[in-house]
């Protein structure tokens, strides 16, 4: 965890563990924070590099299983898992390469995430993604959550727009002064008139709601768009 104290960056190793009673119920939480010397940052970088490599290996195994599977639903689930693992692997790769104390460049990270998704769906050859993303560093955990939201929405757009010869998706992340705004929109046929982002029980929207809720930005639907357009307004903090 990166903190700012008296104008100086510090890095702490944070350990949190639930305290359980004899019946296995959580009755409290124990927490220990230990400041790491600067030399320990190289160890953190190495750990992120190893995690990235392990996740990419897992992604490769999922891809092999997907290509060998004869079940369409299983292939779709495996491809979704591939994208999620790839986003997390990229996150750890950015931390290892940048040594940025847990901060990553959001333009670089989201553009890479979108490019990875286009590559994932390349065998179908029908997905095009454009971006308009502010060039700034953001907290790494927030960046990872943004990437997972983008990944889920693009995957859902491709899934439901599979009848189109070409599906175009645009991803924007903008600085609005008092907030940050994420927009993911496509040129598909649009959402059903009875679609409700707050109650839809599809696994993709449930994931999006859960992650966006952690960031304080529930999904909004802009029905003025001819396709599907999701908007998230994040507090500027």
Protein backbone atom coordinates (compact mmCIF):
# COMPACT_ATOMS: atom_id res chain seq x y z
CA UNK A 1 0.00 0.00 0.00
CA UNK A 2 1.32 3.43 -0.99
CA UNK A 3 0.76 6.30 1.45
CA UNK A 4 1.74 9.97 1.60
CA UNK A 5 3.18 11.24 4.88
CA UNK A 6 4.69 14.68 5.45
CA UNK A 7 5.01 15.12 1.71
CA UNK A 8 6.95 11.87 1.19
CA UNK A 9 5.89 8.60 -0.37
CA UNK A 10 5.97 5.57 1.89
CA UNK A 11 5.14 1.94 1.16
CA UNK A 12 3.64 -0.40 3.77
CA UNK A 13 3.01 -4.11 3.83
CA UNK A 14 -0.60 -4.44 5.03
CA UNK A 15 -1.83 -7.66 6.65
CA UNK A 16 -5.54 -8.06 7.49
CA UNK A 17 -7.08 -11.17 8.99
CA UNK A 18 -10.54 -11.89 10.48
CA UNK A 19 -10.71 -12.96 14.12
CA UNK A 20 -12.93 -16.04 14.48
CA UNK A 21 -14.68 -17.44 17.54
CA UNK A 22 -14.98 -21.16 18.43
CA UNK A 23 -18.03 -21.50 16.16
CA UNK A 24 -16.21 -20.09 13.15
CA UNK A 25 -18.01 -16.74 13.17
CA UNK A 26 -16.09 -13.54 12.52
CA UNK A 27 -15.98 -11.41 15.68
CA UNK A 28 -13.32 -8.91 14.72
CA UNK A 29 -10.42 -7.99 12.47
CA UNK A 30 -6.69 -7.85 13.16
CA UNK A 31 -4.52 -5.55 11.10
CA UNK A 32 -0.76 -4.96 10.98
CA UNK A 33 0.96 -2.38 8.77
CA UNK A 34 4.75 -2.51 8.40
CA UNK A 35 6.70 0.19 6.57
CA UNK A 36 8.93 -1.27 3.87
CA UNK A 37 12.42 0.10 3.20
CA UNK A 38 13.04 1.35 -0.32
CA UNK A 39 15.01 -1.79 -1.12
CA UNK A 40 11.88 -3.85 -0.53
CA UNK A 41 10.20 -2.17 -3.49
CA UNK A 42 12.36 -4.22 -5.83
CA UNK A 43 11.02 -7.33 -4.10
CA UNK A 44 7.47 -6.10 -4.72
CA UNK A 45 8.32 -5.52 -8.38
CA UNK A 46 9.67 -9.04 -8.66
CA UNK A 47 6.53 -10.41 -7.00
CA UNK A 48 4.32 -8.53 -9.46
CA UNK A 49 6.38 -9.88 -12.35
CA UNK A 50 6.00 -13.46 -11.10
CA UNK A 51 2.25 -13.02 -10.55
CA UNK A 52 1.87 -11.64 -14.08
CA UNK A 53 3.68 -14.61 -15.57
CA UNK A 54 1.62 -17.10 -13.57
CA UNK A 55 -1.64 -15.47 -14.66
CA UNK A 56 -0.57 -15.49 -18.31
CA UNK A 57 0.19 -19.20 -18.05
CA UNK A 58 -3.29 -19.77 -16.59
CA UNK A 59 -4.78 -17.71 -19.43
CA UNK A 60 -2.97 -19.86 -21.99
CA UNK A 61 -4.34 -23.02 -20.39
CA UNK A 62 -7.87 -21.58 -20.50
CA UNK A 63 -7.44 -20.71 -24.17
CA UNK A 64 -6.36 -24.27 -24.94
CA UNK A 65 -9.37 -25.67 -23.09
CA UNK A 66 -11.70 -23.24 -24.89
CA UNK A 67 -10.47 -24.24 -28.33
CA UNK A 68 -10.87 -27.93 -27.53
CA UNK A 69 -14.32 -27.58 -25.97
CA UNK A 70 -17.34 -28.66 -27.99
CA UNK A 71 -19.79 -26.80 -25.74
CA UNK A 72 -20.68 -23.25 -26.83
CA UNK A 73 -21.60 -22.09 -23.31
CA UNK A 74 -18.34 -23.47 -21.92
CA UNK A 75 -16.33 -21.72 -24.65
CA UNK A 76 -18.00 -18.42 -23.84
CA UNK A 77 -17.36 -18.79 -20.10
CA UNK A 78 -13.71 -19.71 -20.71
CA UNK A 79 -13.22 -16.75 -23.03
CA UNK A 80 -14.67 -14.40 -20.39
CA UNK A 81 -12.28 -15.85 -17.82
CA UNK A 82 -9.39 -15.36 -20.27
CA UNK A 83 -10.17 -11.66 -20.54
CA UNK A 84 -10.41 -11.20 -16.79
CA UNK A 85 -7.10 -12.97 -16.17
CA UNK A 86 -5.45 -10.95 -18.91
CA UNK A 87 -6.60 -7.66 -17.34
CA UNK A 88 -5.23 -8.68 -13.95
CA UNK A 89 -1.96 -9.94 -15.48
CA UNK A 90 -1.51 -6.65 -17.34
CA UNK A 91 -2.08 -4.78 -14.08
CA UNK A 92 0.72 -6.64 -12.31
CA UNK A 93 2.93 -6.18 -15.37
CA UNK A 94 2.39 -2.41 -15.27
CA UNK A 95 3.28 -2.31 -11.57
CA UNK A 96 6.42 -4.39 -12.10
CA UNK A 97 7.60 -2.36 -15.09
CA UNK A 98 6.74 1.09 -13.79
CA UNK A 99 7.86 0.87 -10.16
CA UNK A 100 5.21 3.56 -9.60
CA UNK A 101 4.32 2.74 -6.01
CA UNK A 102 0.98 1.25 -7.02
CA UNK A 103 0.01 3.90 -9.60
CA UNK A 104 -0.47 3.22 -13.31
CA UNK A 105 -1.12 5.35 -16.38
CA UNK A 106 -4.82 4.89 -17.09
CA UNK A 107 -4.58 5.66 -20.82
CA UNK A 108 -1.85 3.10 -21.39
CA UNK A 109 -3.58 0.48 -19.25
CA UNK A 110 -7.09 0.80 -20.71
CA UNK A 111 -5.82 1.02 -24.29
CA UNK A 112 -3.84 -2.17 -23.71
CA UNK A 113 -6.89 -3.82 -22.17
CA UNK A 114 -8.98 -2.95 -25.24
CA UNK A 115 -6.26 -4.17 -27.61
CA UNK A 116 -6.07 -7.45 -25.70
CA UNK A 117 -9.83 -7.92 -26.06
CA UNK A 118 -9.68 -7.31 -29.81
CA UNK A 119 -6.94 -9.94 -30.00
CA UNK A 120 -9.02 -12.35 -27.89
CA UNK A 121 -11.92 -12.04 -30.35
CA UNK A 122 -9.63 -11.88 -33.38
CA UNK A 123 -10.63 -15.31 -34.61
CA UNK A 124 -14.13 -13.90 -35.20
CA UNK A 125 -12.70 -10.75 -36.81
CA UNK A 126 -15.74 -8.60 -36.13
CA UNK A 127 -14.75 -6.39 -33.18
CA UNK A 128 -13.33 -2.88 -33.45
CA UNK A 129 -12.58 -0.77 -30.36
CA UNK A 130 -11.65 2.93 -30.32
CA UNK A 131 -10.64 4.92 -27.23
CA UNK A 132 -10.48 8.46 -25.88
CA UNK A 133 -8.76 8.25 -22.50
CA UNK A 134 -7.18 10.96 -20.38
CA UNK A 135 -3.40 10.70 -19.94
CA UNK A 136 -2.91 10.56 -16.17
CA UNK A 137 -1.80 8.23 -13.39
CA UNK A 138 -4.42 6.72 -11.10
CA UNK A 139 -4.36 4.37 -8.14
CA UNK A 140 -3.55 0.88 -9.39
CA UNK A 141 -6.46 -0.88 -7.71
CA UNK A 142 -8.92 1.63 -9.16
CA UNK A 143 -7.32 1.17 -12.59
CA UNK A 144 -7.72 -2.59 -12.34
CA UNK A 145 -11.41 -2.23 -11.47
CA UNK A 146 -11.95 0.14 -14.39
CA UNK A 147 -10.27 -2.36 -16.72
CA UNK A 148 -12.49 -5.19 -15.45
CA UNK A 149 -15.62 -3.07 -16.04
CA UNK A 150 -14.47 -2.26 -19.57
CA UNK A 151 -13.62 -5.90 -20.22
CA UNK A 152 -17.05 -7.12 -19.07
CA UNK A 153 -18.98 -4.53 -21.09
CA UNK A 154 -17.02 -5.11 -24.30
CA UNK A 155 -17.41 -8.88 -23.88
CA UNK A 156 -21.16 -8.47 -23.33
CA UNK A 157 -21.46 -6.16 -26.35
CA UNK A 158 -19.68 -8.71 -28.53
CA UNK A 159 -21.81 -11.54 -27.17
CA UNK A 160 -25.11 -9.79 -27.86
CA UNK A 161 -23.95 -8.24 -31.13
CA UNK A 162 -22.77 -11.53 -32.60
CA UNK A 163 -25.21 -11.27 -35.52
CA UNK A 164 -23.49 -8.13 -36.89
CA UNK A 165 -20.79 -8.23 -39.55
CA UNK A 166 -18.81 -5.64 -37.59
CA UNK A 167 -19.29 -4.38 -34.03
CA UNK A 168 -17.72 -1.06 -33.05
CA UNK A 169 -17.18 -0.17 -29.40
CA UNK A 170 -15.90 3.17 -28.07
CA UNK A 171 -14.34 3.55 -24.61
CA UNK A 172 -13.80 6.99 -23.05
CA UNK A 173 -12.40 7.97 -19.66
CA UNK A 174 -12.52 11.71 -19.06
CA UNK A 175 -11.64 14.28 -16.42
CA UNK A 176 -14.82 16.26 -15.76
CA UNK A 177 -13.33 18.53 -13.09
CA UNK A 178 -15.25 17.35 -10.03
CA UNK A 179 -15.46 13.75 -11.23
CA UNK A 180 -14.08 11.16 -13.61
CA UNK A 181 -16.43 9.69 -16.22
CA UNK A 182 -16.15 6.30 -17.92
CA UNK A 183 -18.27 5.67 -21.02
CA UNK A 184 -18.52 2.38 -22.90
CA UNK A 185 -20.79 2.44 -25.94
CA UNK A 186 -21.34 0.35 -29.06
CA UNK A 187 -23.14 0.71 -32.38
CA UNK A 188 -25.24 -2.41 -31.92
CA UNK A 189 -28.99 -2.74 -31.84
CA UNK A 190 -29.29 -1.29 -28.35
CA UNK A 191 -30.58 -2.69 -25.08
CA UNK A 192 -34.08 -4.14 -24.63
CA UNK A 193 -36.61 -1.55 -23.52
CA UNK A 194 -37.14 -3.39 -20.23
CA UNK A 195 -33.41 -3.72 -19.46
CA UNK A 196 -32.50 -2.44 -15.98
CA UNK A 197 -28.81 -2.19 -15.10
CA UNK A 198 -29.69 -2.18 -11.37
CA UNK A 199 -31.53 -5.50 -11.43
CA UNK A 200 -30.29 -7.48 -14.43
CA UNK A 201 -29.19 -10.91 -13.21
CA UNK A 202 -26.75 -11.71 -16.01
CA UNK A 203 -23.33 -12.57 -14.63
CA UNK A 204 -21.69 -9.79 -16.65
CA UNK A 205 -23.90 -7.03 -15.24
CA UNK A 206 -23.65 -8.45 -11.73
CA UNK A 207 -19.86 -8.20 -11.98
CA UNK A 208 -20.08 -4.67 -13.38
CA UNK A 209 -22.46 -3.55 -10.61
CA UNK A 210 -20.29 -5.04 -7.88
CA UNK A 211 -17.05 -3.46 -9.13
CA UNK A 212 -18.62 -0.09 -9.99
CA UNK A 213 -20.29 -0.04 -6.56
CA UNK A 214 -16.87 -0.37 -4.92
CA UNK A 215 -15.80 2.74 -6.83
CA UNK A 216 -18.96 4.65 -5.89
CA UNK A 217 -20.27 4.82 -9.46
CA UNK A 218 -23.34 2.70 -10.23
CA UNK A 219 -23.90 2.09 -13.96
CA UNK A 220 -26.17 4.51 -15.83
CA UNK A 221 -27.77 3.81 -19.20
CA UNK A 222 -27.98 6.57 -21.80
CA UNK A 223 -30.97 5.54 -23.91
CA UNK A 224 -30.49 8.44 -26.32
CA UNK A 225 -27.83 6.36 -28.01
CA UNK A 226 -28.88 4.05 -30.84
CA UNK A 227 -26.66 1.31 -29.41
CA UNK A 228 -25.88 0.39 -25.80
CA UNK A 229 -24.22 3.23 -23.85
CA UNK A 230 -23.10 2.79 -20.24
CA UNK A 231 -21.93 5.77 -18.17
CA UNK A 232 -20.13 5.75 -14.81
CA UNK A 233 -19.42 8.95 -12.83
CA UNK A 234 -16.69 8.47 -10.24
CA UNK A 235 -16.08 10.89 -7.37
CA UNK A 236 -12.87 12.85 -7.86
CA UNK A 237 -10.92 11.34 -4.96
